[in-house]
Amino acid sequence: MKARTRIKICGITRPEDLHAAVDAGADAIGLVFYAASPRHVTVAQAAALARACPAFVTLVGLFVNADAQTVADVCRQVPLGLLQFHGDESPQQCIDIAQHVQRPFLRAARVTPKLDLLEFARHYAAASNLLLDAFVDGYGGGGKVFDWSLIPAPLAPRVVLSGGLNAQNVAEAITRVHPHAVDVSSGVESSKGIKDHALIQQFVQAVRDADEH
């Protein structure tokens, strides 16, 4: 039987958007702890969102070049199930922080033709999965699609595919890449940090339809 593609809705800032994502069938909710992002949430906001999140939906904390103490302070107040390192963190920094807070982690890569993804995967072998995003100014959330043909087929089972996904292109992405999971933020928004509930439902349905073919 074909594995079900997991779905992460990232950049959640409001309880009503979290509920819409969960009700649609999202497996994971992404909370952004990066102050420069328009989707940034404070620890207090994140804790309130966590209280609204039901069991068996994973809360993912996105960090950009944060130190271990910062991540630990968040984890003490927000029950994150998974860390997402989206900056310039080295393999050892990722391992040290993850071990410090006793959480698994994703490592994001901003994909360019010059990036050797197999070598990147070897360097970050301790990551539970690799999140592949488009290279944009800043760190993610740019709504840009990258060239999926750059992803080596052997890497696909570890890939969380991100970067410019929406209800119109996610089925093609799944068919071409066969990732473990897909990650969407701007593709289901009415404005930055504000999710469109109909677009969330359409996105999830497109993933489910793709899984059936």
N, C-alpha and C. Protein backbone atom coordinates (compact mmCIF):
# COMPACT_ATOMS: atom_id res chain seq x y z
N MET A 1 0.84 -1.19 0.00
CA MET A 1 0.00 0.00 0.00
C MET A 1 0.88 1.25 0.00
N LYS A 2 0.50 2.22 -0.81
CA LYS A 2 1.26 3.46 -0.88
C LYS A 2 1.16 4.23 0.43
N ALA A 3 2.29 4.76 0.90
CA ALA A 3 2.29 5.52 2.14
C ALA A 3 1.53 6.82 1.96
N ARG A 4 0.83 7.24 3.00
CA ARG A 4 0.10 8.50 2.97
C ARG A 4 1.07 9.67 3.12
N THR A 5 0.93 10.66 2.28
CA THR A 5 1.77 11.85 2.39
C THR A 5 1.32 12.68 3.59
N ARG A 6 2.24 12.94 4.49
CA ARG A 6 1.93 13.75 5.67
C ARG A 6 1.84 15.23 5.28
N ILE A 7 1.07 16.00 6.06
CA ILE A 7 0.83 17.40 5.74
C ILE A 7 1.15 18.27 6.95
N LYS A 8 1.97 19.28 6.71
CA LYS A 8 2.26 20.28 7.74
C LYS A 8 1.76 21.64 7.25
N ILE A 9 0.97 22.29 8.08
CA ILE A 9 0.53 23.66 7.81
C ILE A 9 1.37 24.56 8.71
N CYS A 10 2.20 25.39 8.10
CA CYS A 10 3.17 26.19 8.87
C CYS A 10 2.72 27.64 8.96
N GLY A 11 3.31 28.33 9.93
CA GLY A 11 3.04 29.75 10.10
C GLY A 11 1.68 30.04 10.69
N ILE A 12 1.18 29.14 11.54
CA ILE A 12 -0.10 29.35 12.21
C ILE A 12 0.08 30.40 13.31
N THR A 13 -0.82 31.37 13.33
CA THR A 13 -0.74 32.44 14.33
C THR A 13 -2.04 32.61 15.12
N ARG A 14 -3.13 31.97 14.68
CA ARG A 14 -4.43 32.20 15.31
C ARG A 14 -5.10 30.85 15.63
N PRO A 15 -5.80 30.76 16.76
CA PRO A 15 -6.47 29.51 17.11
C PRO A 15 -7.45 29.04 16.04
N GLU A 16 -8.19 29.96 15.43
CA GLU A 16 -9.17 29.55 14.43
C GLU A 16 -8.49 28.92 13.21
N ASP A 17 -7.29 29.38 12.90
CA ASP A 17 -6.55 28.78 11.78
C ASP A 17 -6.02 27.40 12.16
N LEU A 18 -5.59 27.26 13.39
CA LEU A 18 -5.15 25.95 13.86
C LEU A 18 -6.30 24.95 13.78
N HIS A 19 -7.48 25.35 14.25
CA HIS A 19 -8.63 24.46 14.20
C HIS A 19 -8.97 24.08 12.77
N ALA A 20 -8.90 25.05 11.85
CA ALA A 20 -9.21 24.77 10.45
C ALA A 20 -8.22 23.76 9.87
N ALA A 21 -6.94 23.91 10.22
CA ALA A 21 -5.93 22.97 9.73
C ALA A 21 -6.15 21.58 10.28
N VAL A 22 -6.42 21.49 11.57
CA VAL A 22 -6.65 20.18 12.19
C VAL A 22 -7.91 19.53 11.65
N ASP A 23 -8.97 20.32 11.52
CA ASP A 23 -10.24 19.78 11.02
C ASP A 23 -10.10 19.27 9.58
N ALA A 24 -9.25 19.93 8.80
CA ALA A 24 -9.04 19.52 7.41
C ALA A 24 -8.22 18.24 7.31
N GLY A 25 -7.44 17.95 8.36
CA GLY A 25 -6.66 16.71 8.36
C GLY A 25 -5.16 16.89 8.40
N ALA A 26 -4.69 18.07 8.81
CA ALA A 26 -3.25 18.29 8.92
C ALA A 26 -2.64 17.39 9.98
N ASP A 27 -1.44 16.90 9.70
CA ASP A 27 -0.71 16.07 10.65
C ASP A 27 0.14 16.88 11.60
N ALA A 28 0.54 18.07 11.16
CA ALA A 28 1.47 18.89 11.94
C ALA A 28 1.15 20.36 11.75
N ILE A 29 1.43 21.12 12.81
CA ILE A 29 1.24 22.57 12.84
C ILE A 29 2.59 23.23 13.08
N GLY A 30 2.95 24.17 12.22
CA GLY A 30 4.23 24.85 12.36
C GLY A 30 4.08 26.19 13.06
N LEU A 31 4.87 26.41 14.10
CA LEU A 31 4.89 27.67 14.84
C LEU A 31 6.26 28.32 14.63
N VAL A 32 6.25 29.58 14.22
CA VAL A 32 7.49 30.26 13.83
C VAL A 32 8.01 31.12 14.98
N PHE A 33 9.19 30.75 15.49
CA PHE A 33 9.84 31.50 16.57
C PHE A 33 11.02 32.29 16.00
N TYR A 34 10.75 33.07 14.98
CA TYR A 34 11.77 33.88 14.31
C TYR A 34 11.19 35.27 14.17
N ALA A 35 11.73 36.21 14.94
CA ALA A 35 11.12 37.53 15.09
C ALA A 35 10.99 38.29 13.78
N ALA A 36 11.86 38.03 12.82
CA ALA A 36 11.82 38.76 11.55
C ALA A 36 10.71 38.27 10.62
N SER A 37 10.07 37.17 10.96
CA SER A 37 9.02 36.61 10.10
C SER A 37 7.68 37.27 10.38
N PRO A 38 6.88 37.54 9.34
CA PRO A 38 5.53 38.07 9.57
C PRO A 38 4.62 37.04 10.22
N ARG A 39 5.07 35.80 10.29
CA ARG A 39 4.28 34.73 10.91
C ARG A 39 4.80 34.39 12.32
N HIS A 40 5.64 35.25 12.85
CA HIS A 40 6.23 35.02 14.16
C HIS A 40 5.16 35.00 15.25
N VAL A 41 5.33 34.07 16.19
CA VAL A 41 4.49 34.05 17.38
C VAL A 41 5.37 34.16 18.62
N THR A 42 4.86 34.81 19.64
CA THR A 42 5.55 34.86 20.92
C THR A 42 5.37 33.52 21.63
N VAL A 43 6.15 33.31 22.68
CA VAL A 43 6.00 32.08 23.45
C VAL A 43 4.61 32.00 24.06
N ALA A 44 4.09 33.12 24.52
CA ALA A 44 2.74 33.12 25.11
C ALA A 44 1.69 32.78 24.06
N GLN A 45 1.82 33.35 22.87
CA GLN A 45 0.88 33.01 21.80
C GLN A 45 0.98 31.53 21.44
N ALA A 46 2.20 31.03 21.36
CA ALA A 46 2.41 29.63 21.00
C ALA A 46 1.82 28.70 22.06
N ALA A 47 1.98 29.07 23.33
CA ALA A 47 1.43 28.25 24.41
C ALA A 47 -0.09 28.19 24.32
N ALA A 48 -0.71 29.31 23.96
CA ALA A 48 -2.17 29.33 23.81
C ALA A 48 -2.59 28.48 22.62
N LEU A 49 -1.85 28.55 21.53
CA LEU A 49 -2.15 27.72 20.37
C LEU A 49 -1.99 26.24 20.72
N ALA A 50 -0.97 25.92 21.49
CA ALA A 50 -0.73 24.53 21.88
C ALA A 50 -1.89 23.97 22.70
N ARG A 51 -2.46 24.81 23.54
CA ARG A 51 -3.60 24.36 24.35
C ARG A 51 -4.82 24.05 23.47
N ALA A 52 -4.87 24.66 22.29
CA ALA A 52 -5.99 24.42 21.37
C ALA A 52 -5.74 23.25 20.44
N CYS A 53 -4.54 22.68 20.51
CA CYS A 53 -4.16 21.61 19.58
C CYS A 53 -4.49 20.25 20.18
N PRO A 54 -5.23 19.42 19.47
CA PRO A 54 -5.61 18.11 20.03
C PRO A 54 -4.45 17.12 20.01
N ALA A 55 -4.64 16.02 20.67
CA ALA A 55 -3.63 14.96 20.69
C ALA A 55 -3.43 14.39 19.29
N PHE A 56 -2.22 13.89 19.08
CA PHE A 56 -1.82 13.22 17.84
C PHE A 56 -1.64 14.17 16.66
N VAL A 57 -1.62 15.47 16.92
CA VAL A 57 -1.20 16.46 15.92
C VAL A 57 0.11 17.05 16.44
N THR A 58 1.15 16.96 15.63
CA THR A 58 2.48 17.37 16.07
C THR A 58 2.67 18.87 15.96
N LEU A 59 3.17 19.48 17.03
CA LEU A 59 3.55 20.89 17.01
C LEU A 59 5.03 20.99 16.66
N VAL A 60 5.33 21.74 15.62
CA VAL A 60 6.70 21.90 15.14
C VAL A 60 7.14 23.33 15.38
N GLY A 61 8.26 23.50 16.07
CA GLY A 61 8.78 24.83 16.32
C GLY A 61 9.88 25.19 15.34
N LEU A 62 9.69 26.25 14.57
CA LEU A 62 10.67 26.70 13.59
C LEU A 62 11.59 27.74 14.22
N PHE A 63 12.90 27.47 14.17
CA PHE A 63 13.90 28.36 14.74
C PHE A 63 14.93 28.72 13.68
N VAL A 64 15.43 29.93 13.76
CA VAL A 64 16.47 30.41 12.85
C VAL A 64 17.65 30.90 13.67
N ASN A 65 18.73 30.12 13.68
CA ASN A 65 19.97 30.48 14.36
C ASN A 65 19.75 30.82 15.83
N ALA A 66 18.84 30.11 16.47
CA ALA A 66 18.59 30.31 17.90
C ALA A 66 19.58 29.49 18.71
N ASP A 67 19.91 29.97 19.92
CA ASP A 67 20.81 29.21 20.78
C ASP A 67 20.01 28.21 21.62
N ALA A 68 20.73 27.32 22.27
CA ALA A 68 20.09 26.24 23.02
C ALA A 68 19.19 26.77 24.13
N GLN A 69 19.61 27.85 24.78
CA GLN A 69 18.81 28.40 25.87
C GLN A 69 17.48 28.94 25.37
N THR A 70 17.50 29.59 24.22
CA THR A 70 16.27 30.12 23.64
C THR A 70 15.30 28.99 23.31
N VAL A 71 15.82 27.95 22.68
CA VAL A 71 14.96 26.81 22.33
C VAL A 71 14.44 26.14 23.60
N ALA A 72 15.29 26.01 24.60
CA ALA A 72 14.86 25.38 25.86
C ALA A 72 13.77 26.19 26.54
N ASP A 73 13.90 27.53 26.50
CA ASP A 73 12.87 28.38 27.11
C ASP A 73 11.52 28.18 26.44
N VAL A 74 11.54 28.03 25.11
CA VAL A 74 10.29 27.77 24.39
C VAL A 74 9.74 26.41 24.77
N CYS A 75 10.59 25.40 24.77
CA CYS A 75 10.13 24.03 25.03
C CYS A 75 9.58 23.85 26.44
N ARG A 76 10.03 24.66 27.37
CA ARG A 76 9.49 24.58 28.73
C ARG A 76 8.03 25.02 28.79
N GLN A 77 7.65 25.89 27.86
CA GLN A 77 6.31 26.48 27.91
C GLN A 77 5.39 25.99 26.79
N VAL A 78 5.98 25.42 25.74
CA VAL A 78 5.20 24.96 24.58
C VAL A 78 5.57 23.51 24.31
N PRO A 79 4.60 22.59 24.28
CA PRO A 79 4.91 21.17 24.12
C PRO A 79 5.23 20.80 22.67
N LEU A 80 6.35 21.30 22.19
CA LEU A 80 6.76 21.00 20.82
C LEU A 80 7.12 19.52 20.69
N GLY A 81 6.68 18.91 19.60
CA GLY A 81 7.06 17.53 19.34
C GLY A 81 8.26 17.41 18.44
N LEU A 82 8.60 18.51 17.75
CA LEU A 82 9.65 18.46 16.74
C LEU A 82 10.22 19.86 16.56
N LEU A 83 11.54 19.93 16.41
CA LEU A 83 12.21 21.19 16.11
C LEU A 83 12.49 21.28 14.62
N GLN A 84 12.43 22.49 14.09
CA GLN A 84 12.80 22.73 12.69
C GLN A 84 13.86 23.81 12.66
N PHE A 85 15.07 23.43 12.26
CA PHE A 85 16.17 24.39 12.16
C PHE A 85 16.21 24.93 10.74
N HIS A 86 15.96 26.24 10.61
CA HIS A 86 15.75 26.83 9.30
C HIS A 86 16.79 27.90 8.97
N GLY A 87 17.87 27.94 9.75
CA GLY A 87 18.89 28.96 9.53
C GLY A 87 20.18 28.38 9.00
N ASP A 88 21.27 28.77 9.65
CA ASP A 88 22.60 28.34 9.21
C ASP A 88 23.24 27.38 10.23
N GLU A 89 22.40 26.67 10.96
CA GLU A 89 22.90 25.81 12.02
C GLU A 89 23.76 24.66 11.46
N SER A 90 24.87 24.41 12.11
CA SER A 90 25.74 23.31 11.70
C SER A 90 25.14 21.99 12.17
N PRO A 91 25.62 20.87 11.63
CA PRO A 91 25.13 19.58 12.12
C PRO A 91 25.29 19.43 13.63
N GLN A 92 26.45 19.83 14.15
CA GLN A 92 26.68 19.66 15.58
C GLN A 92 25.79 20.57 16.41
N GLN A 93 25.55 21.79 15.94
CA GLN A 93 24.64 22.68 16.66
C GLN A 93 23.24 22.09 16.72
N CYS A 94 22.77 21.53 15.62
CA CYS A 94 21.45 20.90 15.62
C CYS A 94 21.39 19.76 16.62
N ILE A 95 22.40 18.91 16.60
CA ILE A 95 22.44 17.77 17.51
C ILE A 95 22.47 18.23 18.96
N ASP A 96 23.32 19.22 19.25
CA ASP A 96 23.48 19.68 20.63
C ASP A 96 22.18 20.28 21.17
N ILE A 97 21.52 21.11 20.36
CA ILE A 97 20.28 21.73 20.82
C ILE A 97 19.19 20.67 20.97
N ALA A 98 19.07 19.77 19.99
CA ALA A 98 18.05 18.74 20.06
C ALA A 98 18.25 17.84 21.29
N GLN A 99 19.48 17.50 21.57
CA GLN A 99 19.75 16.68 22.74
C GLN A 99 19.47 17.44 24.04
N HIS A 100 19.77 18.73 24.02
CA HIS A 100 19.56 19.56 25.21
C HIS A 100 18.08 19.60 25.60
N VAL A 101 17.21 19.65 24.61
CA VAL A 101 15.78 19.73 24.90
C VAL A 101 15.06 18.41 24.68
N GLN A 102 15.82 17.37 24.28
CA GLN A 102 15.25 16.02 24.11
C GLN A 102 14.09 16.02 23.11
N ARG A 103 14.38 16.57 21.91
CA ARG A 103 13.41 16.59 20.83
C ARG A 103 14.09 16.15 19.53
N PRO A 104 13.38 15.47 18.64
CA PRO A 104 13.91 15.22 17.29
C PRO A 104 13.88 16.52 16.49
N PHE A 105 14.57 16.53 15.35
CA PHE A 105 14.60 17.77 14.58
C PHE A 105 14.57 17.53 13.08
N LEU A 106 14.02 18.52 12.39
CA LEU A 106 14.11 18.64 10.94
C LEU A 106 15.22 19.63 10.63
N ARG A 107 15.89 19.43 9.51
CA ARG A 107 16.85 20.43 9.04
C ARG A 107 16.39 20.93 7.69
N ALA A 108 16.24 22.24 7.58
CA ALA A 108 15.81 22.85 6.33
C ALA A 108 17.01 23.14 5.44
N ALA A 109 16.81 22.95 4.15
CA ALA A 109 17.81 23.32 3.15
C ALA A 109 17.17 24.24 2.14
N ARG A 110 17.84 25.33 1.84
CA ARG A 110 17.38 26.24 0.78
C ARG A 110 18.06 25.80 -0.51
N VAL A 111 17.28 25.23 -1.39
CA VAL A 111 17.82 24.48 -2.53
C VAL A 111 18.25 25.39 -3.67
N THR A 112 19.45 25.16 -4.15
CA THR A 112 19.97 25.78 -5.37
C THR A 112 20.64 24.68 -6.20
N PRO A 113 20.87 24.92 -7.49
CA PRO A 113 21.54 23.91 -8.30
C PRO A 113 22.94 23.55 -7.78
N LYS A 114 23.55 24.45 -7.03
CA LYS A 114 24.90 24.21 -6.53
C LYS A 114 24.93 23.37 -5.25
N LEU A 115 23.78 23.22 -4.62
CA LEU A 115 23.74 22.47 -3.36
C LEU A 115 23.66 20.97 -3.65
N ASP A 116 24.62 20.23 -3.15
CA ASP A 116 24.62 18.77 -3.27
C ASP A 116 23.73 18.22 -2.16
N LEU A 117 22.51 17.84 -2.51
CA LEU A 117 21.55 17.42 -1.48
C LEU A 117 21.93 16.10 -0.82
N LEU A 118 22.56 15.21 -1.56
CA LEU A 118 23.00 13.96 -0.94
C LEU A 118 24.09 14.21 0.09
N GLU A 119 25.01 15.11 -0.23
CA GLU A 119 26.05 15.47 0.74
C GLU A 119 25.43 16.17 1.94
N PHE A 120 24.48 17.08 1.68
CA PHE A 120 23.78 17.76 2.77
C PHE A 120 23.10 16.75 3.68
N ALA A 121 22.44 15.76 3.08
CA ALA A 121 21.76 14.73 3.85
C ALA A 121 22.74 13.93 4.70
N ARG A 122 23.91 13.66 4.16
CA ARG A 122 24.93 12.93 4.94
C ARG A 122 25.38 13.76 6.14
N HIS A 123 25.57 15.05 5.92
CA HIS A 123 26.01 15.92 7.02
C HIS A 123 24.96 15.99 8.13
N TYR A 124 23.69 15.95 7.72
CA TYR A 124 22.60 16.07 8.69
C TYR A 124 21.87 14.74 8.86
N ALA A 125 22.66 13.68 8.93
CA ALA A 125 22.08 12.33 9.06
C ALA A 125 21.28 12.17 10.35
N ALA A 126 21.57 12.97 11.35
CA ALA A 126 20.86 12.87 12.63
C ALA A 126 19.46 13.47 12.56
N ALA A 127 19.17 14.23 11.52
CA ALA A 127 17.83 14.82 11.37
C ALA A 127 16.82 13.73 11.05
N SER A 128 15.62 13.87 11.62
CA SER A 128 14.58 12.89 11.31
C SER A 128 14.15 13.00 9.86
N ASN A 129 14.14 14.22 9.33
CA ASN A 129 13.81 14.46 7.92
C ASN A 129 14.49 15.75 7.48
N LEU A 130 14.55 15.93 6.18
CA LEU A 130 15.09 17.16 5.60
C LEU A 130 13.94 17.94 4.96
N LEU A 131 13.81 19.20 5.32
CA LEU A 131 12.80 20.05 4.72
C LEU A 131 13.46 20.84 3.60
N LEU A 132 12.99 20.66 2.39
CA LEU A 132 13.59 21.32 1.23
C LEU A 132 12.72 22.49 0.80
N ASP A 133 13.33 23.67 0.78
CA ASP A 133 12.62 24.91 0.50
C ASP A 133 13.35 25.65 -0.62
N ALA A 134 12.68 26.62 -1.20
CA ALA A 134 13.31 27.45 -2.23
C ALA A 134 14.29 28.41 -1.58
N PHE A 135 15.33 28.77 -2.34
CA PHE A 135 16.29 29.77 -1.86
C PHE A 135 15.70 31.15 -2.11
N VAL A 136 15.44 31.90 -1.04
CA VAL A 136 14.94 33.26 -1.13
C VAL A 136 15.72 34.12 -0.14
N ASP A 137 15.62 35.42 -0.29
CA ASP A 137 16.20 36.32 0.71
C ASP A 137 15.52 36.06 2.04
N GLY A 138 16.31 36.03 3.10
CA GLY A 138 15.74 35.67 4.39
C GLY A 138 15.71 34.16 4.54
N TYR A 139 14.82 33.70 5.39
CA TYR A 139 14.77 32.26 5.71
C TYR A 139 13.35 31.73 5.54
N GLY A 140 13.00 31.35 4.31
CA GLY A 140 11.73 30.69 4.07
C GLY A 140 10.56 31.66 3.97
N GLY A 141 9.39 31.07 3.69
CA GLY A 141 8.16 31.85 3.62
C GLY A 141 8.04 32.74 2.41
N GLY A 142 8.83 32.46 1.38
CA GLY A 142 8.83 33.32 0.20
C GLY A 142 7.82 32.95 -0.86
N GLY A 143 7.18 31.80 -0.71
CA GLY A 143 6.18 31.38 -1.68
C GLY A 143 6.75 31.04 -3.04
N LYS A 144 8.02 30.66 -3.10
CA LYS A 144 8.68 30.35 -4.36
C LYS A 144 8.86 28.85 -4.53
N VAL A 145 8.65 28.37 -5.74
CA VAL A 145 8.87 26.96 -6.06
C VAL A 145 10.29 26.80 -6.59
N PHE A 146 10.96 25.73 -6.18
CA PHE A 146 12.27 25.44 -6.74
C PHE A 146 12.16 24.27 -7.71
N ASP A 147 13.25 23.96 -8.37
CA ASP A 147 13.27 22.90 -9.37
C ASP A 147 13.29 21.53 -8.68
N TRP A 148 12.15 20.85 -8.70
CA TRP A 148 12.03 19.57 -7.99
C TRP A 148 12.94 18.51 -8.58
N SER A 149 13.37 18.68 -9.82
CA SER A 149 14.25 17.68 -10.42
C SER A 149 15.62 17.65 -9.76
N LEU A 150 15.92 18.65 -8.93
CA LEU A 150 17.19 18.68 -8.19
C LEU A 150 17.19 17.69 -7.03
N ILE A 151 16.04 17.13 -6.69
CA ILE A 151 15.94 16.22 -5.55
C ILE A 151 16.28 14.80 -6.00
N PRO A 152 17.35 14.20 -5.49
CA PRO A 152 17.69 12.83 -5.87
C PRO A 152 16.60 11.85 -5.39
N ALA A 153 16.22 10.94 -6.25
CA ALA A 153 15.16 9.99 -5.91
C ALA A 153 15.43 9.23 -4.60
N PRO A 154 16.68 8.81 -4.32
CA PRO A 154 16.91 8.07 -3.08
C PRO A 154 16.64 8.90 -1.81
N LEU A 155 16.62 10.23 -1.98
CA LEU A 155 16.41 11.10 -0.83
C LEU A 155 14.93 11.30 -0.50
N ALA A 156 14.05 11.00 -1.46
CA ALA A 156 12.63 11.31 -1.33
C ALA A 156 11.98 10.82 -0.04
N PRO A 157 12.28 9.62 0.46
CA PRO A 157 11.62 9.17 1.69
C PRO A 157 11.94 10.02 2.92
N ARG A 158 13.00 10.82 2.85
CA ARG A 158 13.35 11.69 3.98
C ARG A 158 12.87 13.13 3.79
N VAL A 159 12.27 13.42 2.63
CA VAL A 159 12.01 14.80 2.26
C VAL A 159 10.65 15.29 2.78
N VAL A 160 10.68 16.47 3.41
CA VAL A 160 9.49 17.26 3.63
C VAL A 160 9.56 18.38 2.59
N LEU A 161 8.68 18.34 1.62
CA LEU A 161 8.77 19.27 0.49
C LEU A 161 8.03 20.56 0.81
N SER A 162 8.73 21.67 0.62
CA SER A 162 8.17 22.98 0.89
C SER A 162 8.51 23.90 -0.29
N GLY A 163 8.10 25.16 -0.18
CA GLY A 163 8.45 26.13 -1.20
C GLY A 163 7.41 26.33 -2.27
N GLY A 164 6.51 27.29 -2.05
CA GLY A 164 5.55 27.67 -3.07
C GLY A 164 4.46 26.66 -3.37
N LEU A 165 4.22 25.72 -2.47
CA LEU A 165 3.17 24.74 -2.72
C LEU A 165 1.79 25.34 -2.50
N ASN A 166 0.82 24.85 -3.26
CA ASN A 166 -0.57 25.27 -3.11
C ASN A 166 -1.46 24.15 -3.64
N ALA A 167 -2.77 24.36 -3.61
CA ALA A 167 -3.69 23.32 -4.03
C ALA A 167 -3.56 22.99 -5.51
N GLN A 168 -3.03 23.92 -6.29
CA GLN A 168 -2.92 23.72 -7.73
C GLN A 168 -1.69 22.90 -8.13
N ASN A 169 -0.63 22.94 -7.33
CA ASN A 169 0.61 22.26 -7.76
C ASN A 169 1.04 21.12 -6.85
N VAL A 170 0.38 20.93 -5.71
CA VAL A 170 0.88 19.94 -4.76
C VAL A 170 0.73 18.52 -5.29
N ALA A 171 -0.31 18.25 -6.07
CA ALA A 171 -0.47 16.89 -6.62
C ALA A 171 0.69 16.56 -7.56
N GLU A 172 1.06 17.52 -8.40
CA GLU A 172 2.19 17.30 -9.30
C GLU A 172 3.47 17.08 -8.49
N ALA A 173 3.64 17.87 -7.43
CA ALA A 173 4.83 17.73 -6.59
C ALA A 173 4.91 16.34 -5.99
N ILE A 174 3.80 15.82 -5.50
CA ILE A 174 3.78 14.49 -4.89
C ILE A 174 4.06 13.42 -5.95
N THR A 175 3.48 13.58 -7.12
CA THR A 175 3.67 12.61 -8.19
C THR A 175 5.12 12.57 -8.66
N ARG A 176 5.75 13.72 -8.71
CA ARG A 176 7.12 13.79 -9.22
C ARG A 176 8.16 13.44 -8.17
N VAL A 177 7.96 13.89 -6.94
CA VAL A 177 8.99 13.76 -5.90
C VAL A 177 8.75 12.56 -4.99
N HIS A 178 7.49 12.23 -4.70
CA HIS A 178 7.13 11.19 -3.72
C HIS A 178 7.74 11.49 -2.35
N PRO A 179 7.51 12.70 -1.82
CA PRO A 179 8.10 13.04 -0.53
C PRO A 179 7.38 12.35 0.63
N HIS A 180 8.05 12.34 1.76
CA HIS A 180 7.41 11.84 2.98
C HIS A 180 6.27 12.76 3.39
N ALA A 181 6.48 14.06 3.23
CA ALA A 181 5.50 15.04 3.68
C ALA A 181 5.58 16.29 2.82
N VAL A 182 4.52 17.10 2.89
CA VAL A 182 4.52 18.41 2.25
C VAL A 182 4.24 19.46 3.31
N ASP A 183 4.78 20.65 3.06
CA ASP A 183 4.71 21.74 4.03
C ASP A 183 4.22 22.97 3.28
N VAL A 184 3.16 23.60 3.79
CA VAL A 184 2.60 24.78 3.13
C VAL A 184 2.39 25.90 4.14
N SER A 185 2.62 27.13 3.68
CA SER A 185 2.35 28.30 4.51
C SER A 185 1.66 29.37 3.67
N SER A 186 2.43 30.07 2.83
CA SER A 186 1.84 31.16 2.05
C SER A 186 0.78 30.67 1.07
N GLY A 187 0.88 29.41 0.64
CA GLY A 187 -0.06 28.87 -0.33
C GLY A 187 -1.47 28.67 0.19
N VAL A 188 -1.66 28.83 1.51
CA VAL A 188 -3.01 28.72 2.08
C VAL A 188 -3.35 29.97 2.90
N GLU A 189 -2.82 31.10 2.45
CA GLU A 189 -3.03 32.35 3.20
C GLU A 189 -3.84 33.37 2.40
N SER A 190 -4.60 34.18 3.15
CA SER A 190 -5.24 35.35 2.57
C SER A 190 -4.33 36.57 2.70
N SER A 191 -3.49 36.56 3.72
CA SER A 191 -2.41 37.54 3.90
C SER A 191 -1.38 36.89 4.81
N LYS A 192 -0.21 37.48 4.92
CA LYS A 192 0.87 36.83 5.67
C LYS A 192 0.47 36.59 7.12
N GLY A 193 0.49 35.31 7.49
CA GLY A 193 0.14 34.94 8.86
C GLY A 193 -1.33 34.69 9.08
N ILE A 194 -2.16 34.97 8.08
CA ILE A 194 -3.61 34.75 8.19
C ILE A 194 -4.01 33.68 7.18
N LYS A 195 -4.48 32.56 7.68
CA LYS A 195 -4.81 31.44 6.81
C LYS A 195 -6.22 31.55 6.25
N ASP A 196 -6.38 31.08 5.02
CA ASP A 196 -7.66 30.99 4.36
C ASP A 196 -8.16 29.55 4.54
N HIS A 197 -9.24 29.38 5.26
CA HIS A 197 -9.68 28.04 5.64
C HIS A 197 -10.11 27.21 4.43
N ALA A 198 -10.69 27.85 3.44
CA ALA A 198 -11.06 27.12 2.23
C ALA A 198 -9.83 26.63 1.48
N LEU A 199 -8.79 27.45 1.44
CA LEU A 199 -7.55 27.05 0.77
C LEU A 199 -6.87 25.89 1.51
N ILE A 200 -6.96 25.89 2.84
CA ILE A 200 -6.42 24.76 3.60
C ILE A 200 -7.15 23.48 3.21
N GLN A 201 -8.46 23.53 3.17
CA GLN A 201 -9.24 22.34 2.81
C GLN A 201 -8.91 21.87 1.39
N GLN A 202 -8.78 22.82 0.47
CA GLN A 202 -8.45 22.47 -0.92
C GLN A 202 -7.07 21.83 -1.01
N PHE A 203 -6.12 22.36 -0.24
CA PHE A 203 -4.76 21.83 -0.25
C PHE A 203 -4.75 20.39 0.26
N VAL A 204 -5.38 20.17 1.40
CA VAL A 204 -5.41 18.82 1.99
C VAL A 204 -6.11 17.85 1.04
N GLN A 205 -7.20 18.27 0.43
CA GLN A 205 -7.91 17.39 -0.49
C GLN A 205 -7.06 17.06 -1.70
N ALA A 206 -6.29 18.04 -2.19
CA ALA A 206 -5.40 17.78 -3.34
C ALA A 206 -4.34 16.76 -2.98
N VAL A 207 -3.83 16.81 -1.77
CA VAL A 207 -2.85 15.82 -1.32
C VAL A 207 -3.49 14.44 -1.25
N ARG A 208 -4.68 14.36 -0.68
CA ARG A 208 -5.36 13.08 -0.56
C ARG A 208 -5.67 12.49 -1.93
N ASP A 209 -6.10 13.35 -2.86
CA ASP A 209 -6.40 12.89 -4.21
C ASP A 209 -5.13 12.34 -4.88
N ALA A 210 -4.00 13.04 -4.68
CA ALA A 210 -2.75 12.59 -5.26
C ALA A 210 -2.32 11.24 -4.69
N ASP A 211 -2.58 11.04 -3.41
CA ASP A 211 -2.19 9.78 -2.77
C ASP A 211 -2.98 8.59 -3.33
N GLU A 212 -4.16 8.85 -3.86
CA GLU A 212 -5.01 7.78 -4.36
C GLU A 212 -4.64 7.35 -5.78
N HIS A 213 -3.74 8.10 -6.41
CA HIS A 213 -3.38 7.79 -7.80
C HIS A 213 -1.93 7.27 -7.91
